[in-house]
Amino acid sequence: MSTSSESKRSILLIEDDANDIELTKRAFERNRLANVFLVARDGAEALEMLFGSSMEAMHADLSELQLILLDLKLPKVSGLEVLRKIRADERTRMIPVVILTSSDEERDVVESYGLGANSYVRKPIDFEQFVEAVRELGLYWLVLNKTIKRD
């Protein structure tokens, strides 16, 4: 049984690595976890999509956005700064943000949680492990996790 919020699941992937973007998209598509899959390739593009007035921003209906997957090491604007702005804005404050990064540095973990990340996942290096990690993230955050309705 699916509700209307489940049928309109959308995610925003903020990632600059083309291979990771493709792997993540495949994992979500293979498991039918998201209807809309938006990609921002750097921090500035992500902020424009979320808060700007561009065409990309018009397509990023924030009320339908169920999950943000955020890399920390981004060009132009860092992932931590993007997270800071997401949590500072009333429209995006309650959207789950999962840090999906190659960084294993303790200070990145601490700062991410301090800024309001919901989860911190280190990207597996192995292809199959990466796809499985993304599948499990999607299942938890888009299917099992209970979200609140946002207007």
N, C-alpha and C. Protein backbone atom coordinates (compact mmCIF):
# COMPACT_ATOMS: atom_id res chain seq x y z
N MET A 1 0.84 -1.17 0.00
CA MET A 1 0.00 0.00 0.00
C MET A 1 0.89 1.24 0.00
N SER A 2 0.69 2.12 -0.94
CA SER A 2 1.53 3.31 -1.00
C SER A 2 0.69 4.55 -0.79
N THR A 3 1.27 5.50 -0.09
CA THR A 3 0.61 6.78 0.12
C THR A 3 1.09 7.74 -0.93
N SER A 4 0.44 8.90 -0.99
CA SER A 4 0.85 9.86 -2.01
C SER A 4 2.28 10.34 -1.78
N SER A 5 2.74 10.44 -0.52
CA SER A 5 4.11 10.87 -0.29
C SER A 5 5.10 9.82 -0.77
N GLU A 6 4.73 8.54 -0.66
CA GLU A 6 5.61 7.49 -1.14
C GLU A 6 5.65 7.48 -2.66
N SER A 7 4.55 7.80 -3.31
CA SER A 7 4.53 7.72 -4.76
C SER A 7 5.27 8.88 -5.41
N LYS A 8 5.57 9.94 -4.65
CA LYS A 8 6.27 11.10 -5.19
C LYS A 8 7.65 11.26 -4.56
N ARG A 9 8.28 10.17 -4.20
CA ARG A 9 9.60 10.24 -3.58
C ARG A 9 10.60 10.87 -4.53
N SER A 10 11.33 11.83 -4.01
CA SER A 10 12.40 12.43 -4.80
C SER A 10 13.61 12.65 -3.90
N ILE A 11 14.78 12.60 -4.53
CA ILE A 11 16.01 12.83 -3.79
C ILE A 11 16.87 13.83 -4.56
N LEU A 12 17.74 14.48 -3.81
CA LEU A 12 18.74 15.35 -4.40
C LEU A 12 20.10 14.78 -4.02
N LEU A 13 20.87 14.45 -5.02
CA LEU A 13 22.24 13.99 -4.83
C LEU A 13 23.16 15.16 -5.13
N ILE A 14 23.98 15.52 -4.14
CA ILE A 14 24.95 16.61 -4.32
C ILE A 14 26.32 15.95 -4.33
N GLU A 15 26.86 15.81 -5.54
CA GLU A 15 28.06 14.99 -5.74
C GLU A 15 28.79 15.48 -6.98
N ASP A 16 30.13 15.58 -6.92
CA ASP A 16 30.89 16.05 -8.06
C ASP A 16 31.54 14.93 -8.87
N ASP A 17 31.60 13.73 -8.34
CA ASP A 17 32.25 12.62 -9.04
C ASP A 17 31.25 11.93 -9.98
N ALA A 18 31.52 11.98 -11.28
CA ALA A 18 30.60 11.43 -12.27
C ALA A 18 30.34 9.94 -12.06
N ASN A 19 31.36 9.18 -11.68
CA ASN A 19 31.18 7.74 -11.45
C ASN A 19 30.26 7.49 -10.26
N ASP A 20 30.43 8.24 -9.18
CA ASP A 20 29.57 8.07 -8.01
C ASP A 20 28.13 8.48 -8.31
N ILE A 21 27.97 9.51 -9.13
CA ILE A 21 26.62 9.92 -9.54
C ILE A 21 25.94 8.77 -10.28
N GLU A 22 26.64 8.20 -11.25
CA GLU A 22 26.06 7.12 -12.05
C GLU A 22 25.75 5.89 -11.20
N LEU A 23 26.66 5.51 -10.32
CA LEU A 23 26.43 4.36 -9.45
C LEU A 23 25.24 4.58 -8.53
N THR A 24 25.14 5.78 -7.98
CA THR A 24 24.04 6.09 -7.07
C THR A 24 22.71 6.07 -7.81
N LYS A 25 22.67 6.68 -8.98
CA LYS A 25 21.44 6.68 -9.78
C LYS A 25 21.02 5.24 -10.12
N ARG A 26 21.99 4.43 -10.54
CA ARG A 26 21.66 3.03 -10.88
C ARG A 26 21.10 2.27 -9.69
N ALA A 27 21.71 2.46 -8.53
CA ALA A 27 21.24 1.75 -7.34
C ALA A 27 19.81 2.16 -6.99
N PHE A 28 19.49 3.45 -7.08
CA PHE A 28 18.13 3.90 -6.78
C PHE A 28 17.15 3.42 -7.84
N GLU A 29 17.54 3.48 -9.12
CA GLU A 29 16.66 3.03 -10.20
C GLU A 29 16.43 1.53 -10.14
N ARG A 30 17.50 0.77 -9.92
CA ARG A 30 17.40 -0.68 -9.88
C ARG A 30 16.43 -1.14 -8.79
N ASN A 31 16.40 -0.39 -7.70
CA ASN A 31 15.53 -0.75 -6.58
C ASN A 31 14.24 0.06 -6.54
N ARG A 32 14.00 0.85 -7.58
CA ARG A 32 12.78 1.66 -7.70
C ARG A 32 12.52 2.47 -6.43
N LEU A 33 13.56 3.17 -5.98
CA LEU A 33 13.46 3.88 -4.71
C LEU A 33 13.09 5.35 -4.84
N ALA A 34 13.24 5.93 -6.01
CA ALA A 34 12.91 7.35 -6.16
C ALA A 34 12.28 7.58 -7.52
N ASN A 35 11.26 8.42 -7.54
CA ASN A 35 10.62 8.77 -8.81
C ASN A 35 11.37 9.90 -9.50
N VAL A 36 11.90 10.83 -8.71
CA VAL A 36 12.63 11.96 -9.24
C VAL A 36 14.02 11.95 -8.62
N PHE A 37 15.03 12.03 -9.46
CA PHE A 37 16.41 11.98 -9.01
C PHE A 37 17.11 13.23 -9.53
N LEU A 38 17.33 14.20 -8.65
CA LEU A 38 17.98 15.44 -9.02
C LEU A 38 19.46 15.36 -8.66
N VAL A 39 20.29 15.99 -9.46
CA VAL A 39 21.74 15.98 -9.21
C VAL A 39 22.28 17.40 -9.28
N ALA A 40 23.05 17.75 -8.25
CA ALA A 40 23.83 18.99 -8.26
C ALA A 40 25.29 18.57 -8.23
N ARG A 41 26.10 19.13 -9.12
CA ARG A 41 27.48 18.69 -9.26
C ARG A 41 28.49 19.52 -8.46
N ASP A 42 28.01 20.52 -7.75
CA ASP A 42 28.88 21.26 -6.84
C ASP A 42 27.98 21.96 -5.81
N GLY A 43 28.61 22.52 -4.80
CA GLY A 43 27.84 23.14 -3.73
C GLY A 43 27.04 24.35 -4.18
N ALA A 44 27.61 25.16 -5.07
CA ALA A 44 26.90 26.34 -5.55
C ALA A 44 25.65 25.94 -6.34
N GLU A 45 25.76 24.91 -7.17
CA GLU A 45 24.61 24.44 -7.94
C GLU A 45 23.53 23.89 -7.00
N ALA A 46 23.94 23.21 -5.95
CA ALA A 46 22.97 22.68 -4.98
C ALA A 46 22.21 23.82 -4.30
N LEU A 47 22.92 24.85 -3.88
CA LEU A 47 22.26 25.97 -3.23
C LEU A 47 21.32 26.70 -4.19
N GLU A 48 21.71 26.80 -5.44
CA GLU A 48 20.85 27.42 -6.45
C GLU A 48 19.59 26.57 -6.65
N MET A 49 19.74 25.26 -6.71
CA MET A 49 18.59 24.38 -6.89
C MET A 49 17.64 24.48 -5.70
N LEU A 50 18.18 24.56 -4.51
CA LEU A 50 17.35 24.58 -3.30
C LEU A 50 16.74 25.95 -3.01
N PHE A 51 17.49 27.01 -3.26
CA PHE A 51 17.06 28.32 -2.81
C PHE A 51 16.99 29.39 -3.88
N GLY A 52 17.50 29.09 -5.08
CA GLY A 52 17.58 30.10 -6.13
C GLY A 52 16.31 30.21 -6.95
N SER A 53 16.39 31.06 -7.96
CA SER A 53 15.23 31.30 -8.82
C SER A 53 15.43 30.75 -10.23
N SER A 54 16.42 29.88 -10.41
CA SER A 54 16.70 29.33 -11.73
C SER A 54 15.67 28.27 -12.12
N MET A 55 15.78 27.81 -13.36
CA MET A 55 14.90 26.74 -13.82
C MET A 55 15.09 25.48 -12.98
N GLU A 56 16.35 25.18 -12.59
CA GLU A 56 16.59 24.01 -11.76
C GLU A 56 15.85 24.13 -10.44
N ALA A 57 15.84 25.32 -9.86
CA ALA A 57 15.16 25.52 -8.59
C ALA A 57 13.66 25.31 -8.75
N MET A 58 13.11 25.72 -9.88
CA MET A 58 11.67 25.53 -10.10
C MET A 58 11.32 24.05 -10.20
N HIS A 59 12.25 23.23 -10.70
CA HIS A 59 11.99 21.80 -10.80
C HIS A 59 12.20 21.08 -9.46
N ALA A 60 12.94 21.69 -8.56
CA ALA A 60 13.21 21.07 -7.26
C ALA A 60 12.12 21.48 -6.29
N ASP A 61 10.97 20.83 -6.39
CA ASP A 61 9.85 21.11 -5.50
C ASP A 61 10.23 20.62 -4.10
N LEU A 62 10.51 21.56 -3.23
CA LEU A 62 11.01 21.21 -1.90
C LEU A 62 10.01 20.39 -1.09
N SER A 63 8.72 20.56 -1.34
CA SER A 63 7.74 19.78 -0.59
C SER A 63 7.77 18.30 -0.96
N GLU A 64 8.31 17.98 -2.13
CA GLU A 64 8.40 16.59 -2.58
C GLU A 64 9.77 15.96 -2.28
N LEU A 65 10.73 16.77 -1.88
CA LEU A 65 12.08 16.27 -1.63
C LEU A 65 12.11 15.47 -0.34
N GLN A 66 12.44 14.19 -0.46
CA GLN A 66 12.41 13.29 0.68
C GLN A 66 13.78 13.04 1.29
N LEU A 67 14.85 13.30 0.53
CA LEU A 67 16.19 12.96 1.00
C LEU A 67 17.22 13.75 0.23
N ILE A 68 18.26 14.19 0.95
CA ILE A 68 19.41 14.81 0.32
C ILE A 68 20.62 13.96 0.65
N LEU A 69 21.33 13.51 -0.37
CA LEU A 69 22.60 12.81 -0.21
C LEU A 69 23.68 13.82 -0.53
N LEU A 70 24.57 14.06 0.42
CA LEU A 70 25.51 15.17 0.31
C LEU A 70 26.95 14.72 0.49
N ASP A 71 27.77 14.98 -0.53
CA ASP A 71 29.21 14.76 -0.42
C ASP A 71 29.80 15.97 0.29
N LEU A 72 30.89 15.77 1.02
CA LEU A 72 31.53 16.88 1.72
C LEU A 72 32.53 17.62 0.87
N LYS A 73 33.27 16.88 0.07
CA LYS A 73 34.36 17.46 -0.72
C LYS A 73 33.82 17.91 -2.07
N LEU A 74 33.29 19.13 -2.10
CA LEU A 74 32.67 19.66 -3.31
C LEU A 74 33.39 20.91 -3.80
N PRO A 75 33.39 21.14 -5.12
CA PRO A 75 33.93 22.40 -5.63
C PRO A 75 32.97 23.57 -5.34
N LYS A 76 33.52 24.75 -5.34
CA LYS A 76 32.81 26.04 -5.19
C LYS A 76 32.32 26.29 -3.77
N VAL A 77 31.44 25.46 -3.26
CA VAL A 77 30.93 25.59 -1.89
C VAL A 77 31.04 24.22 -1.24
N SER A 78 31.65 24.14 -0.07
CA SER A 78 31.87 22.84 0.59
C SER A 78 30.55 22.21 1.02
N GLY A 79 30.57 20.90 1.16
CA GLY A 79 29.40 20.19 1.63
C GLY A 79 28.96 20.65 3.02
N LEU A 80 29.91 20.96 3.89
CA LEU A 80 29.55 21.43 5.23
C LEU A 80 28.83 22.78 5.17
N GLU A 81 29.25 23.65 4.26
CA GLU A 81 28.57 24.94 4.11
C GLU A 81 27.17 24.73 3.52
N VAL A 82 27.03 23.81 2.58
CA VAL A 82 25.70 23.49 2.04
C VAL A 82 24.80 22.98 3.16
N LEU A 83 25.32 22.08 3.99
CA LEU A 83 24.54 21.55 5.11
C LEU A 83 24.14 22.67 6.06
N ARG A 84 25.06 23.57 6.35
CA ARG A 84 24.77 24.70 7.24
C ARG A 84 23.59 25.51 6.70
N LYS A 85 23.58 25.78 5.40
CA LYS A 85 22.51 26.57 4.79
C LYS A 85 21.19 25.79 4.74
N ILE A 86 21.27 24.49 4.50
CA ILE A 86 20.05 23.67 4.50
C ILE A 86 19.38 23.72 5.87
N ARG A 87 20.16 23.58 6.91
CA ARG A 87 19.60 23.56 8.27
C ARG A 87 19.17 24.95 8.76
N ALA A 88 19.70 26.01 8.15
CA ALA A 88 19.36 27.36 8.57
C ALA A 88 18.06 27.86 7.93
N ASP A 89 17.60 27.18 6.90
CA ASP A 89 16.41 27.64 6.17
C ASP A 89 15.19 26.83 6.60
N GLU A 90 14.14 27.53 6.93
CA GLU A 90 12.90 26.89 7.40
C GLU A 90 12.34 25.89 6.39
N ARG A 91 12.49 26.17 5.09
CA ARG A 91 11.93 25.30 4.05
C ARG A 91 12.64 23.96 3.94
N THR A 92 13.91 23.89 4.33
CA THR A 92 14.70 22.67 4.14
C THR A 92 15.18 22.05 5.45
N ARG A 93 14.93 22.71 6.54
CA ARG A 93 15.45 22.27 7.84
C ARG A 93 15.09 20.82 8.19
N MET A 94 13.92 20.37 7.81
CA MET A 94 13.44 19.05 8.22
C MET A 94 13.71 17.94 7.19
N ILE A 95 14.29 18.28 6.05
CA ILE A 95 14.61 17.26 5.05
C ILE A 95 15.79 16.44 5.55
N PRO A 96 15.68 15.12 5.58
CA PRO A 96 16.82 14.31 6.00
C PRO A 96 18.02 14.51 5.08
N VAL A 97 19.18 14.71 5.69
CA VAL A 97 20.43 14.87 4.95
C VAL A 97 21.39 13.77 5.39
N VAL A 98 21.80 12.96 4.42
CA VAL A 98 22.77 11.91 4.68
C VAL A 98 24.08 12.32 4.02
N ILE A 99 25.13 12.40 4.84
CA ILE A 99 26.45 12.67 4.31
C ILE A 99 26.95 11.37 3.71
N LEU A 100 27.27 11.40 2.42
CA LEU A 100 27.79 10.24 1.69
C LEU A 100 29.11 10.68 1.09
N THR A 101 30.20 10.31 1.74
CA THR A 101 31.50 10.88 1.41
C THR A 101 32.62 9.87 1.54
N SER A 102 33.74 10.20 0.94
CA SER A 102 34.92 9.34 1.09
C SER A 102 35.74 9.73 2.32
N SER A 103 35.40 10.84 2.95
CA SER A 103 36.16 11.31 4.11
C SER A 103 35.91 10.43 5.33
N ASP A 104 37.00 10.03 5.95
CA ASP A 104 36.92 9.24 7.18
C ASP A 104 37.49 10.04 8.36
N GLU A 105 37.64 11.35 8.17
CA GLU A 105 38.23 12.19 9.19
C GLU A 105 37.22 12.46 10.31
N GLU A 106 37.66 12.27 11.53
CA GLU A 106 36.79 12.43 12.70
C GLU A 106 36.18 13.83 12.76
N ARG A 107 36.97 14.85 12.41
CA ARG A 107 36.44 16.22 12.50
C ARG A 107 35.28 16.43 11.52
N ASP A 108 35.33 15.75 10.34
CA ASP A 108 34.22 15.85 9.39
C ASP A 108 32.96 15.20 9.95
N VAL A 109 33.14 14.06 10.60
CA VAL A 109 31.99 13.37 11.22
C VAL A 109 31.38 14.26 12.30
N VAL A 110 32.22 14.77 13.19
CA VAL A 110 31.75 15.59 14.30
C VAL A 110 31.06 16.86 13.80
N GLU A 111 31.68 17.54 12.84
CA GLU A 111 31.09 18.77 12.32
C GLU A 111 29.79 18.50 11.57
N SER A 112 29.74 17.40 10.82
CA SER A 112 28.51 17.06 10.09
C SER A 112 27.34 16.87 11.05
N TYR A 113 27.56 16.08 12.08
CA TYR A 113 26.48 15.88 13.06
C TYR A 113 26.17 17.17 13.81
N GLY A 114 27.20 17.95 14.11
CA GLY A 114 26.99 19.22 14.79
C GLY A 114 26.14 20.19 13.98
N LEU A 115 26.24 20.11 12.67
CA LEU A 115 25.45 20.98 11.79
C LEU A 115 24.07 20.40 11.46
N GLY A 116 23.78 19.19 11.94
CA GLY A 116 22.45 18.64 11.76
C GLY A 116 22.30 17.53 10.76
N ALA A 117 23.39 16.90 10.35
CA ALA A 117 23.26 15.75 9.45
C ALA A 117 22.49 14.64 10.17
N ASN A 118 21.69 13.91 9.42
CA ASN A 118 20.93 12.80 9.99
C ASN A 118 21.73 11.51 10.03
N SER A 119 22.72 11.41 9.14
CA SER A 119 23.53 10.20 9.07
C SER A 119 24.84 10.54 8.36
N TYR A 120 25.87 9.76 8.65
CA TYR A 120 27.17 9.94 8.02
C TYR A 120 27.63 8.58 7.53
N VAL A 121 27.78 8.44 6.22
CA VAL A 121 28.16 7.16 5.63
C VAL A 121 29.42 7.37 4.80
N ARG A 122 30.43 6.58 5.08
CA ARG A 122 31.65 6.61 4.28
C ARG A 122 31.42 5.74 3.05
N LYS A 123 31.72 6.28 1.87
CA LYS A 123 31.53 5.54 0.63
C LYS A 123 32.46 4.34 0.60
N PRO A 124 31.91 3.17 0.37
CA PRO A 124 32.78 2.00 0.17
C PRO A 124 33.54 2.15 -1.15
N ILE A 125 34.75 1.64 -1.17
CA ILE A 125 35.58 1.70 -2.39
C ILE A 125 35.13 0.65 -3.40
N ASP A 126 34.76 -0.51 -2.93
CA ASP A 126 34.33 -1.62 -3.79
C ASP A 126 32.99 -1.29 -4.45
N PHE A 127 32.89 -1.55 -5.75
CA PHE A 127 31.70 -1.25 -6.54
C PHE A 127 30.44 -1.88 -5.95
N GLU A 128 30.47 -3.17 -5.71
CA GLU A 128 29.28 -3.88 -5.19
C GLU A 128 28.89 -3.39 -3.80
N GLN A 129 29.88 -3.12 -2.96
CA GLN A 129 29.58 -2.60 -1.63
C GLN A 129 28.97 -1.20 -1.72
N PHE A 130 29.45 -0.39 -2.66
CA PHE A 130 28.90 0.95 -2.85
C PHE A 130 27.43 0.86 -3.26
N VAL A 131 27.14 0.03 -4.25
CA VAL A 131 25.75 -0.12 -4.72
C VAL A 131 24.86 -0.63 -3.58
N GLU A 132 25.35 -1.58 -2.81
CA GLU A 132 24.56 -2.11 -1.69
C GLU A 132 24.36 -1.06 -0.61
N ALA A 133 25.37 -0.27 -0.31
CA ALA A 133 25.23 0.79 0.70
C ALA A 133 24.18 1.81 0.26
N VAL A 134 24.20 2.20 -1.01
CA VAL A 134 23.22 3.16 -1.53
C VAL A 134 21.82 2.56 -1.48
N ARG A 135 21.70 1.29 -1.83
CA ARG A 135 20.39 0.62 -1.79
C ARG A 135 19.83 0.63 -0.37
N GLU A 136 20.68 0.29 0.60
CA GLU A 136 20.24 0.26 1.99
C GLU A 136 19.88 1.66 2.49
N LEU A 137 20.65 2.66 2.09
CA LEU A 137 20.30 4.04 2.45
C LEU A 137 18.93 4.40 1.92
N GLY A 138 18.70 4.10 0.64
CA GLY A 138 17.42 4.42 0.04
C GLY A 138 16.26 3.70 0.71
N LEU A 139 16.45 2.42 0.98
CA LEU A 139 15.39 1.68 1.64
C LEU A 139 15.04 2.28 3.00
N TYR A 140 16.07 2.60 3.77
CA TYR A 140 15.80 3.16 5.09
C TYR A 140 15.16 4.53 5.00
N TRP A 141 15.81 5.47 4.30
CA TRP A 141 15.35 6.85 4.33
C TRP A 141 14.10 7.11 3.50
N LEU A 142 13.85 6.32 2.46
CA LEU A 142 12.69 6.57 1.62
C LEU A 142 11.52 5.63 1.86
N VAL A 143 11.77 4.48 2.48
CA VAL A 143 10.69 3.52 2.68
C VAL A 143 10.39 3.33 4.17
N LEU A 144 11.40 3.03 4.97
CA LEU A 144 11.17 2.71 6.37
C LEU A 144 11.03 3.93 7.27
N ASN A 145 11.81 4.96 7.01
CA ASN A 145 11.82 6.14 7.87
C ASN A 145 10.51 6.91 7.76
N LYS A 146 9.96 7.32 8.88
CA LYS A 146 8.74 8.11 8.93
C LYS A 146 9.11 9.58 8.82
N THR A 147 8.54 10.26 7.85
CA THR A 147 8.80 11.69 7.67
C THR A 147 7.57 12.51 8.01
N ILE A 148 7.80 13.80 8.17
CA ILE A 148 6.68 14.69 8.43
C ILE A 148 6.28 15.36 7.13
N LYS A 149 5.03 15.76 7.05
CA LYS A 149 4.55 16.45 5.85
C LYS A 149 5.00 17.90 5.92
N ARG A 150 5.61 18.36 4.82
CA ARG A 150 6.08 19.74 4.73
C ARG A 150 5.27 20.45 3.66
N ASP A 151 5.01 21.71 3.89
CA ASP A 151 4.32 22.52 2.87
C ASP A 151 5.27 23.43 2.17
